[in-house]
């Protein structure tokens, strides 16, 4: 497995994920939309699976519902 590749000026992906989910509150969010938004905000090149895992974990902690597709 390859290590995560980040751009030099990318924000902290985990912190950005927290912010994205907090903006949604208890609203419904699609996984595809969340992954796309994290990529747009941070420029990350992490795999979709890695980002989905991060989003799922953080969404569970914050009580945000995330649709698989």
N, C-alpha and C. Protein backbone atom coordinates (compact mmCIF):
# COMPACT_ATOMS: atom_id res chain seq x y z
N UNK A 1 0.84 -1.18 0.00
CA UNK A 1 0.00 0.00 0.00
C UNK A 1 0.89 1.25 0.00
N UNK A 2 0.55 2.19 -0.81
CA UNK A 2 1.31 3.43 -0.90
C UNK A 2 0.96 4.36 0.25
N UNK A 3 1.90 5.16 0.70
CA UNK A 3 1.59 6.14 1.76
C UNK A 3 0.71 7.25 1.21
N UNK A 4 0.09 7.98 2.11
CA UNK A 4 -0.74 9.11 1.70
C UNK A 4 0.13 10.15 1.00
N UNK A 5 -0.39 10.74 -0.04
CA UNK A 5 0.32 11.78 -0.75
C UNK A 5 -0.47 13.07 -0.61
N UNK A 6 0.12 14.05 -0.01
CA UNK A 6 -0.53 15.34 0.20
C UNK A 6 0.21 16.43 -0.54
N UNK A 7 -0.52 17.44 -0.94
CA UNK A 7 0.11 18.58 -1.57
C UNK A 7 0.76 19.42 -0.47
N UNK A 8 1.80 20.15 -0.78
CA UNK A 8 2.52 20.93 0.24
C UNK A 8 1.63 21.92 1.00
N UNK A 9 0.63 22.48 0.35
CA UNK A 9 -0.20 23.49 0.99
C UNK A 9 -1.56 22.98 1.42
N UNK A 10 -1.75 21.65 1.44
CA UNK A 10 -3.06 21.11 1.80
C UNK A 10 -3.33 21.31 3.28
N UNK A 11 -4.61 21.52 3.59
CA UNK A 11 -5.03 21.64 4.98
C UNK A 11 -4.99 20.25 5.61
N UNK A 12 -5.10 20.22 6.89
CA UNK A 12 -5.21 18.96 7.59
C UNK A 12 -6.54 18.33 7.19
N UNK A 13 -6.48 17.16 6.57
CA UNK A 13 -7.68 16.52 6.04
C UNK A 13 -8.67 16.18 7.15
N UNK A 14 -8.17 15.68 8.27
CA UNK A 14 -9.05 15.32 9.38
C UNK A 14 -9.78 16.54 9.93
N UNK A 15 -9.07 17.64 10.09
CA UNK A 15 -9.69 18.87 10.58
C UNK A 15 -10.72 19.39 9.59
N UNK A 16 -10.41 19.28 8.32
CA UNK A 16 -11.34 19.73 7.29
C UNK A 16 -12.59 18.84 7.28
N UNK A 17 -12.40 17.56 7.52
CA UNK A 17 -13.53 16.63 7.60
C UNK A 17 -14.43 17.02 8.77
N UNK A 18 -13.84 17.32 9.90
CA UNK A 18 -14.61 17.77 11.07
C UNK A 18 -15.44 19.00 10.71
N UNK A 19 -14.83 19.94 10.05
CA UNK A 19 -15.51 21.18 9.68
C UNK A 19 -16.66 20.91 8.71
N UNK A 20 -16.40 20.07 7.72
CA UNK A 20 -17.43 19.73 6.74
C UNK A 20 -18.64 19.09 7.42
N UNK A 21 -18.39 18.14 8.30
CA UNK A 21 -19.47 17.46 8.99
C UNK A 21 -20.21 18.39 9.95
N UNK A 22 -19.48 19.27 10.61
CA UNK A 22 -20.11 20.23 11.52
C UNK A 22 -21.03 21.18 10.75
N UNK A 23 -20.63 21.54 9.54
CA UNK A 23 -21.46 22.41 8.71
C UNK A 23 -22.78 21.74 8.36
N UNK A 24 -22.77 20.41 8.24
CA UNK A 24 -23.98 19.65 7.91
C UNK A 24 -24.88 19.44 9.11
N UNK A 25 -24.31 19.53 10.29
CA UNK A 25 -25.10 19.27 11.50
C UNK A 25 -25.63 17.85 11.47
N UNK A 26 -26.92 17.69 11.68
CA UNK A 26 -27.52 16.36 11.67
C UNK A 26 -28.14 16.04 10.31
N UNK A 27 -27.83 16.84 9.31
CA UNK A 27 -28.36 16.61 7.97
C UNK A 27 -27.72 15.41 7.29
N UNK A 28 -28.35 14.96 6.23
CA UNK A 28 -27.87 13.81 5.47
C UNK A 28 -26.80 14.26 4.47
N UNK A 29 -25.78 13.45 4.31
CA UNK A 29 -24.66 13.77 3.43
C UNK A 29 -24.31 12.53 2.62
N UNK A 30 -24.09 12.70 1.33
CA UNK A 30 -23.67 11.54 0.53
C UNK A 30 -22.16 11.38 0.62
N UNK A 31 -21.70 10.14 0.64
CA UNK A 31 -20.27 9.86 0.74
C UNK A 31 -19.53 10.44 -0.46
N UNK A 32 -20.11 10.28 -1.64
CA UNK A 32 -19.48 10.80 -2.86
C UNK A 32 -19.31 12.31 -2.78
N UNK A 33 -20.34 12.99 -2.30
CA UNK A 33 -20.29 14.44 -2.15
C UNK A 33 -19.24 14.85 -1.12
N UNK A 34 -19.20 14.13 0.00
CA UNK A 34 -18.24 14.45 1.06
C UNK A 34 -16.80 14.25 0.58
N UNK A 35 -16.55 13.15 -0.12
CA UNK A 35 -15.20 12.89 -0.64
C UNK A 35 -14.80 13.97 -1.63
N UNK A 36 -15.70 14.32 -2.53
CA UNK A 36 -15.42 15.38 -3.50
C UNK A 36 -15.13 16.72 -2.84
N UNK A 37 -15.89 17.02 -1.81
CA UNK A 37 -15.70 18.30 -1.11
C UNK A 37 -14.36 18.31 -0.36
N UNK A 38 -13.99 17.20 0.25
CA UNK A 38 -12.69 17.14 0.92
C UNK A 38 -11.55 17.30 -0.08
N UNK A 39 -11.69 16.69 -1.23
CA UNK A 39 -10.65 16.84 -2.27
C UNK A 39 -10.57 18.29 -2.74
N UNK A 40 -11.72 18.92 -2.92
CA UNK A 40 -11.75 20.31 -3.38
C UNK A 40 -11.12 21.24 -2.34
N UNK A 41 -11.44 21.02 -1.08
CA UNK A 41 -10.95 21.91 -0.03
C UNK A 41 -9.48 21.70 0.31
N UNK A 42 -9.00 20.46 0.20
CA UNK A 42 -7.65 20.17 0.68
C UNK A 42 -6.65 19.82 -0.42
N UNK A 43 -7.13 19.39 -1.58
CA UNK A 43 -6.21 18.96 -2.62
C UNK A 43 -5.59 17.60 -2.35
N UNK A 44 -6.17 16.85 -1.41
CA UNK A 44 -5.62 15.55 -1.03
C UNK A 44 -5.67 14.56 -2.19
N UNK A 45 -4.72 13.66 -2.20
CA UNK A 45 -4.70 12.58 -3.18
C UNK A 45 -4.92 11.23 -2.50
N UNK A 46 -5.44 11.24 -1.29
CA UNK A 46 -5.75 9.99 -0.58
C UNK A 46 -6.80 9.22 -1.37
N UNK A 47 -6.81 7.92 -1.20
CA UNK A 47 -7.77 7.08 -1.92
C UNK A 47 -9.19 7.35 -1.42
N UNK A 48 -10.16 7.03 -2.28
CA UNK A 48 -11.56 7.16 -1.89
C UNK A 48 -11.85 6.32 -0.65
N UNK A 49 -11.30 5.13 -0.59
CA UNK A 49 -11.54 4.24 0.54
C UNK A 49 -11.00 4.84 1.84
N UNK A 50 -9.84 5.45 1.78
CA UNK A 50 -9.25 6.07 2.97
C UNK A 50 -10.11 7.24 3.44
N UNK A 51 -10.52 8.08 2.49
CA UNK A 51 -11.36 9.22 2.85
C UNK A 51 -12.72 8.75 3.37
N UNK A 52 -13.28 7.71 2.76
CA UNK A 52 -14.57 7.18 3.21
C UNK A 52 -14.46 6.67 4.65
N UNK A 53 -13.36 6.01 4.98
CA UNK A 53 -13.15 5.54 6.34
C UNK A 53 -13.06 6.67 7.34
N UNK A 54 -12.33 7.71 6.97
CA UNK A 54 -12.21 8.89 7.83
C UNK A 54 -13.57 9.55 8.03
N UNK A 55 -14.30 9.75 6.95
CA UNK A 55 -15.61 10.40 7.01
C UNK A 55 -16.57 9.57 7.86
N UNK A 56 -16.59 8.26 7.65
CA UNK A 56 -17.49 7.37 8.40
C UNK A 56 -17.21 7.45 9.90
N UNK A 57 -15.94 7.39 10.25
CA UNK A 57 -15.55 7.43 11.67
C UNK A 57 -15.97 8.76 12.30
N UNK A 58 -15.65 9.85 11.64
CA UNK A 58 -15.94 11.16 12.20
C UNK A 58 -17.45 11.44 12.21
N UNK A 59 -18.16 10.99 11.18
CA UNK A 59 -19.61 11.18 11.12
C UNK A 59 -20.30 10.44 12.27
N UNK A 60 -19.81 9.25 12.58
CA UNK A 60 -20.39 8.48 13.69
C UNK A 60 -20.20 9.22 15.01
N UNK A 61 -19.04 9.81 15.20
CA UNK A 61 -18.78 10.55 16.42
C UNK A 61 -19.65 11.80 16.55
N UNK A 62 -19.96 12.41 15.39
CA UNK A 62 -20.73 13.66 15.39
C UNK A 62 -22.23 13.45 15.17
N UNK A 63 -22.63 12.22 14.89
CA UNK A 63 -24.05 11.94 14.68
C UNK A 63 -24.59 12.42 13.34
N UNK A 64 -23.73 12.46 12.33
CA UNK A 64 -24.14 12.88 10.98
C UNK A 64 -24.38 11.62 10.15
N UNK A 65 -25.53 11.56 9.50
CA UNK A 65 -25.85 10.41 8.65
C UNK A 65 -25.18 10.57 7.29
N UNK A 66 -24.48 9.53 6.84
CA UNK A 66 -23.79 9.56 5.55
C UNK A 66 -24.32 8.42 4.70
N UNK A 67 -24.81 8.74 3.51
CA UNK A 67 -25.29 7.72 2.58
C UNK A 67 -24.10 7.14 1.83
N UNK A 68 -24.14 5.84 1.59
CA UNK A 68 -23.04 5.17 0.91
C UNK A 68 -22.86 5.66 -0.52
N UNK A 69 -23.93 5.89 -1.24
CA UNK A 69 -23.81 6.36 -2.62
C UNK A 69 -24.76 7.48 -2.89
